[in-house]
C-alpha cells in the first residue's frame, strides 16, 4: 500500500544521521540548515519510507532536493503528483534541483527535465597547507550590501540570496572604491560550511582574485567547522583548477537541472 505524508521532525532527525553528506550535500542541507524553510514529502510503501522530495522556498525559484531510499518500490509519478498538490505550483513553473546520475535518469524517463543538465561538482577542503597567506579581501560592511547584491545579480548568480549576505561574513576586493570580486557562504555554522557566491567581474578575471578570496573564505570557514565545502560547474575548469590547488577534492559528481513538477 502506497501513502504520502509530510515527514515528522523525528523522521527528519533519523534521516540526518543516515545521510552521507559528502555524496548528498544538498539533501543534507535541507535536513539541517534549511529545514525551517522546507517541506519534506515522503512516499511510504507498506509504511516504510521509499523516497523524499523536499521543497525549499528560500531561493528566487522553487528549489527541490530528491532522496531515494528504495528504488525498487518507488512509485515516482505518485510522489510527483502528491508533491504538486501539496506545494500547489503551476504546472508550467520551472523548478531546480541537483541530481546524481541515477536520479537524473529517473527524472528524464518521466519527461520532467527541461533544458540541458549541467555537470556539477561538490568539493571538500582537505589540505590546509595549500591555502594562501592572503589578506587581499576585506570584510563587507552593511552599507555596501546593496552594491554586493547588484554585482551578484548582474553577474547571474542564481543561488544567491540576500539573507546569506546579512547572516554570514562576506569578503570583497575593491579597486578605485568599487568591488571587483566578492565571495561568501551558503552555510556557515559548526555542522558544516559551504562557500558560495564567489564572483569576479569579467574585466578583472585572470588576475588570481578568486584564488585569494577562496583561500581567505576557506580559512574563515575552517575556524568554525572542519567540514568546508563548495560547489562548481564541471565545465568551469579554471575554477576547478584553482580549488584543487587550494586543497579541495571532488566528493560527488552530479547535475544541476531545471524541471517541471508535472508528468504527462
Protein backbone atom coordinates (compact mmCIF):
# COMPACT_ATOMS: atom_id res chain seq x y z
CA UNK A 1 0.00 0.00 0.00
CA UNK A 2 1.34 3.40 -1.05
CA UNK A 3 0.78 6.54 1.01
CA UNK A 4 2.25 10.04 1.17
CA UNK A 5 2.70 12.45 4.04
CA UNK A 6 4.93 15.22 5.28
CA UNK A 7 7.83 13.92 7.33
CA UNK A 8 7.76 14.37 11.08
CA UNK A 9 10.56 16.09 12.97
CA UNK A 10 11.65 12.70 14.34
CA UNK A 11 11.95 11.21 10.84
CA UNK A 12 13.99 14.21 9.67
CA UNK A 13 16.42 13.68 12.54
CA UNK A 14 16.69 9.97 11.75
CA UNK A 15 17.43 10.70 8.09
CA UNK A 16 20.06 13.27 9.04
CA UNK A 17 22.05 10.60 10.84
CA UNK A 18 21.86 8.27 7.82
CA UNK A 19 22.96 10.66 5.06
CA UNK A 20 26.49 10.70 3.65
CA UNK A 21 26.84 14.45 3.22
CA UNK A 22 29.97 14.18 1.07
CA UNK A 23 27.76 12.46 -1.52
CA UNK A 24 24.42 14.14 -0.78
CA UNK A 25 25.28 17.62 0.46
CA UNK A 26 22.17 19.28 -0.94
CA UNK A 27 19.72 16.92 0.74
CA UNK A 28 21.72 17.07 3.98
CA UNK A 29 21.44 20.86 3.93
CA UNK A 30 17.66 20.58 3.57
CA UNK A 31 17.53 18.32 6.62
CA UNK A 32 19.70 20.68 8.69
CA UNK A 33 20.30 24.33 7.79
CA UNK A 34 17.27 24.64 5.51
CA UNK A 35 14.70 22.58 7.40
CA UNK A 36 12.82 25.61 8.81
CA UNK A 37 12.07 26.78 5.25
CA UNK A 38 11.41 23.36 3.75
CA UNK A 39 8.63 20.82 3.35
CA UNK A 40 9.53 17.12 3.13
CA UNK A 41 7.07 14.98 1.17
CA UNK A 42 7.61 11.31 1.90
CA UNK A 43 6.34 8.29 0.00
CA UNK A 44 5.66 5.19 2.09
CA UNK A 45 5.12 1.63 0.83
CA UNK A 46 3.72 -0.70 3.47
CA UNK A 47 4.50 2.06 5.95
CA UNK A 48 8.22 2.12 5.05
CA UNK A 49 9.77 5.28 3.61
CA UNK A 50 10.84 4.81 -0.04
CA UNK A 51 11.71 8.38 -1.14
CA UNK A 52 11.56 12.05 -0.17
CA UNK A 53 11.01 15.09 -2.35
CA UNK A 54 11.85 18.19 -0.33
CA UNK A 55 10.80 21.73 -1.28
CA UNK A 56 12.71 24.85 -0.19
CA UNK A 57 11.16 28.29 -0.62
CA UNK A 58 14.18 30.41 0.30
CA UNK A 59 15.55 30.92 -3.23
CA UNK A 60 14.24 33.09 -6.10
CA UNK A 61 12.95 29.92 -7.81
CA UNK A 62 11.19 26.77 -6.47
CA UNK A 63 14.09 24.62 -5.26
CA UNK A 64 13.91 20.89 -4.52
CA UNK A 65 16.05 18.03 -3.29
CA UNK A 66 15.28 14.38 -4.03
CA UNK A 67 16.41 11.39 -1.99
CA UNK A 68 15.53 7.80 -2.88
CA UNK A 69 15.71 5.05 -0.26
CA UNK A 70 14.10 2.07 -2.02
CA UNK A 71 14.19 2.43 -5.81
CA UNK A 72 12.51 -0.91 -6.47
CA UNK A 73 9.34 0.03 -4.59
CA UNK A 74 9.25 3.71 -5.58
CA UNK A 75 6.14 4.93 -7.43
CA UNK A 76 7.66 8.12 -8.82
CA UNK A 77 4.60 9.50 -10.67
CA UNK A 78 2.53 9.20 -7.48
CA UNK A 79 5.19 11.08 -5.48
CA UNK A 80 5.32 13.85 -8.10
CA UNK A 81 1.52 14.16 -8.19
CA UNK A 82 1.19 14.34 -4.40
CA UNK A 83 4.03 16.88 -4.12
CA UNK A 84 2.48 19.06 -6.83
CA UNK A 85 -0.86 19.01 -4.97
CA UNK A 86 0.85 19.75 -1.64
CA UNK A 87 3.06 22.58 -2.87
CA UNK A 88 0.42 23.94 -5.29
CA UNK A 89 2.78 25.15 -8.01
CA UNK A 90 1.58 25.97 -11.51
CA UNK A 91 2.19 23.02 -13.88
CA UNK A 92 4.44 25.22 -16.06
CA UNK A 93 6.57 26.53 -13.18
CA UNK A 94 10.24 25.73 -13.72
CA UNK A 95 11.89 24.25 -10.63
CA UNK A 96 15.53 23.48 -9.88
CA UNK A 97 17.49 20.72 -8.19
CA UNK A 98 20.77 18.79 -8.21
CA UNK A 99 20.64 15.08 -9.05
CA UNK A 100 23.01 12.12 -9.09
CA UNK A 101 23.16 10.20 -12.37
CA UNK A 102 20.58 7.54 -11.41
CA UNK A 103 18.09 10.16 -10.21
CA UNK A 104 18.70 12.24 -13.34
CA UNK A 105 17.79 9.21 -15.44
CA UNK A 106 14.64 8.74 -13.35
CA UNK A 107 13.53 12.35 -13.90
CA UNK A 108 14.36 12.13 -17.61
CA UNK A 109 12.44 8.87 -18.05
CA UNK A 110 9.28 10.64 -16.91
CA UNK A 111 9.81 13.70 -19.09
CA UNK A 112 10.34 16.16 -16.24
CA UNK A 113 13.65 17.72 -17.30
CA UNK A 114 13.63 20.99 -19.26
CA UNK A 115 16.77 22.27 -20.96
CA UNK A 116 20.19 20.68 -20.69
CA UNK A 117 21.57 19.34 -17.38
CA UNK A 118 24.84 20.92 -16.24
CA UNK A 119 27.50 18.75 -14.61
CA UNK A 120 28.16 19.90 -11.06
CA UNK A 121 30.95 19.02 -8.64
CA UNK A 122 30.81 19.02 -4.86
CA UNK A 123 34.27 19.68 -3.43
CA UNK A 124 35.54 19.41 0.15
CA UNK A 125 38.59 21.10 1.62
CA UNK A 126 41.22 18.55 2.63
CA UNK A 127 44.64 20.25 2.81
CA UNK A 128 45.16 23.44 4.81
CA UNK A 129 48.83 23.65 3.78
CA UNK A 130 47.78 24.69 0.28
CA UNK A 131 45.93 27.82 1.38
CA UNK A 132 47.46 31.22 0.67
CA UNK A 133 48.58 33.66 3.33
CA UNK A 134 46.37 36.38 1.94
CA UNK A 135 44.59 39.43 3.30
CA UNK A 136 43.71 40.95 -0.07
CA UNK A 137 39.97 40.77 0.60
CA UNK A 138 38.20 42.86 3.24
CA UNK A 139 35.06 42.17 5.23
CA UNK A 140 32.00 43.63 3.52
CA UNK A 141 30.16 46.17 5.69
CA UNK A 142 26.41 46.69 5.89
CA UNK A 143 26.47 49.94 3.94
CA UNK A 144 27.95 48.02 1.00
CA UNK A 145 25.23 45.37 0.89
CA UNK A 146 23.28 46.97 -1.96
CA UNK A 147 26.40 47.19 -4.14
CA UNK A 148 27.14 43.50 -3.48
CA UNK A 149 23.56 42.48 -4.34
CA UNK A 150 23.72 44.42 -7.62
CA UNK A 151 27.11 42.92 -8.52
CA UNK A 152 26.00 39.33 -7.91
CA UNK A 153 22.58 39.66 -9.53
CA UNK A 154 24.04 41.35 -12.61
CA UNK A 155 26.57 38.51 -12.74
CA UNK A 156 23.76 35.94 -12.91
CA UNK A 157 24.47 34.29 -9.56
CA UNK A 158 21.33 32.15 -9.47
CA UNK A 159 21.76 30.65 -6.00
CA UNK A 160 22.46 33.90 -4.13
CA UNK A 161 20.02 35.21 -1.52
CA UNK A 162 20.35 38.48 0.36
CA UNK A 163 19.80 36.64 3.67
CA UNK A 164 23.18 34.94 3.20
CA UNK A 165 24.82 38.33 2.91
CA UNK A 166 23.03 39.57 6.02
CA UNK A 167 23.66 36.47 8.18
CA UNK A 168 27.15 35.32 7.17
CA UNK A 169 30.50 37.02 6.56
CA UNK A 170 31.15 38.29 3.04
CA UNK A 171 34.57 39.27 1.71
CA UNK A 172 35.29 41.61 -1.16
CA UNK A 173 38.17 43.06 -3.13
CA UNK A 174 37.95 46.70 -4.22
CA UNK A 175 39.58 48.75 -6.92
CA UNK A 176 39.11 52.54 -7.03
CA UNK A 177 36.44 52.24 -4.32
CA UNK A 178 34.33 49.65 -6.18
CA UNK A 179 34.04 45.91 -5.58
CA UNK A 180 35.57 43.87 -8.39
CA UNK A 181 35.40 40.47 -6.67
CA UNK A 182 33.28 39.11 -3.81
CA UNK A 183 32.62 35.83 -2.03
CA UNK A 184 30.65 34.49 0.90
CA UNK A 185 28.84 31.44 2.22
CA UNK A 186 25.70 29.45 1.57
CA UNK A 187 26.05 27.85 5.02
CA UNK A 188 28.17 28.95 7.93
CA UNK A 189 27.78 27.02 11.16
CA UNK A 190 29.58 24.29 13.16
CA UNK A 191 27.75 21.47 11.29
CA UNK A 192 29.33 22.46 8.01
CA UNK A 193 30.44 25.44 5.98
CA UNK A 194 29.71 25.84 2.27
CA UNK A 195 31.38 28.61 0.31
CA UNK A 196 29.27 30.33 -2.32
CA UNK A 197 28.68 33.47 -4.36
CA UNK A 198 32.34 33.70 -5.40
CA UNK A 199 32.32 36.13 -8.30
CA UNK A 200 34.84 38.29 -10.14
CA UNK A 201 33.72 40.99 -12.58
CA UNK A 202 34.60 39.98 -16.16
CA UNK A 203 37.04 42.86 -16.65
CA UNK A 204 39.19 41.68 -13.73
CA UNK A 205 39.36 37.94 -14.34
CA UNK A 206 42.64 36.15 -14.83
CA UNK A 207 44.38 38.06 -12.03
CA UNK A 208 44.07 35.41 -9.31
CA UNK A 209 41.46 37.32 -7.30
CA UNK A 210 39.19 34.28 -6.87
CA UNK A 211 42.14 32.31 -5.52
CA UNK A 212 42.78 34.90 -2.82
CA UNK A 213 39.07 35.18 -1.98
CA UNK A 214 38.59 31.41 -1.79
CA UNK A 215 41.65 30.98 0.38
CA UNK A 216 40.53 33.63 2.88
CA UNK A 217 36.96 32.30 2.92
CA UNK A 218 38.20 28.74 3.47
CA UNK A 219 40.34 29.81 6.43
CA UNK A 220 37.37 31.68 7.86
CA UNK A 221 35.18 28.61 7.39
CA UNK A 222 37.70 26.21 8.90
CA UNK A 223 37.85 28.35 12.04
CA UNK A 224 34.21 27.36 12.56
CA UNK A 225 33.97 23.82 11.15
CA UNK A 226 36.31 21.08 9.93
CA UNK A 227 33.90 20.33 7.09
CA UNK A 228 34.20 23.04 4.44
CA UNK A 229 32.60 22.53 1.01
CA UNK A 230 31.93 24.37 -2.21
CA UNK A 231 30.17 23.59 -5.47
CA UNK A 232 31.26 24.38 -9.01
CA UNK A 233 30.14 23.61 -12.56
CA UNK A 234 32.36 20.91 -14.03
CA UNK A 235 32.76 22.91 -17.25
CA UNK A 236 34.38 25.75 -15.29
CA UNK A 237 37.77 24.07 -15.42
CA UNK A 238 39.63 27.26 -14.48
CA UNK A 239 37.75 27.41 -11.16
CA UNK A 240 38.13 23.66 -10.56
CA UNK A 241 41.88 24.03 -11.07
CA UNK A 242 42.02 26.92 -8.56
CA UNK A 243 40.07 24.98 -5.94
CA UNK A 244 42.18 21.85 -6.32
CA UNK A 245 45.30 23.99 -6.00
CA UNK A 246 43.95 25.29 -2.67
CA UNK A 247 43.43 21.78 -1.24
CA UNK A 248 39.88 20.92 -2.34
CA UNK A 249 38.95 17.46 -3.60
CA UNK A 250 35.86 16.30 -5.51
CA UNK A 251 33.48 14.22 -3.37
CA UNK A 252 30.50 13.96 -5.76
CA UNK A 253 29.66 14.50 -9.43
CA UNK A 254 26.03 15.38 -10.10
CA UNK A 255 23.88 17.51 -12.42
CA UNK A 256 22.07 20.81 -11.93
CA UNK A 257 18.72 20.56 -13.70
CA UNK A 258 15.57 22.53 -14.37
CA UNK A 259 12.37 20.51 -14.27
CA UNK A 260 8.60 20.79 -14.15
CA UNK A 261 6.63 19.21 -11.34
CA UNK A 262 4.22 17.54 -13.74
CA UNK A 263 4.14 14.21 -15.58
CA UNK A 264 2.26 13.95 -18.83
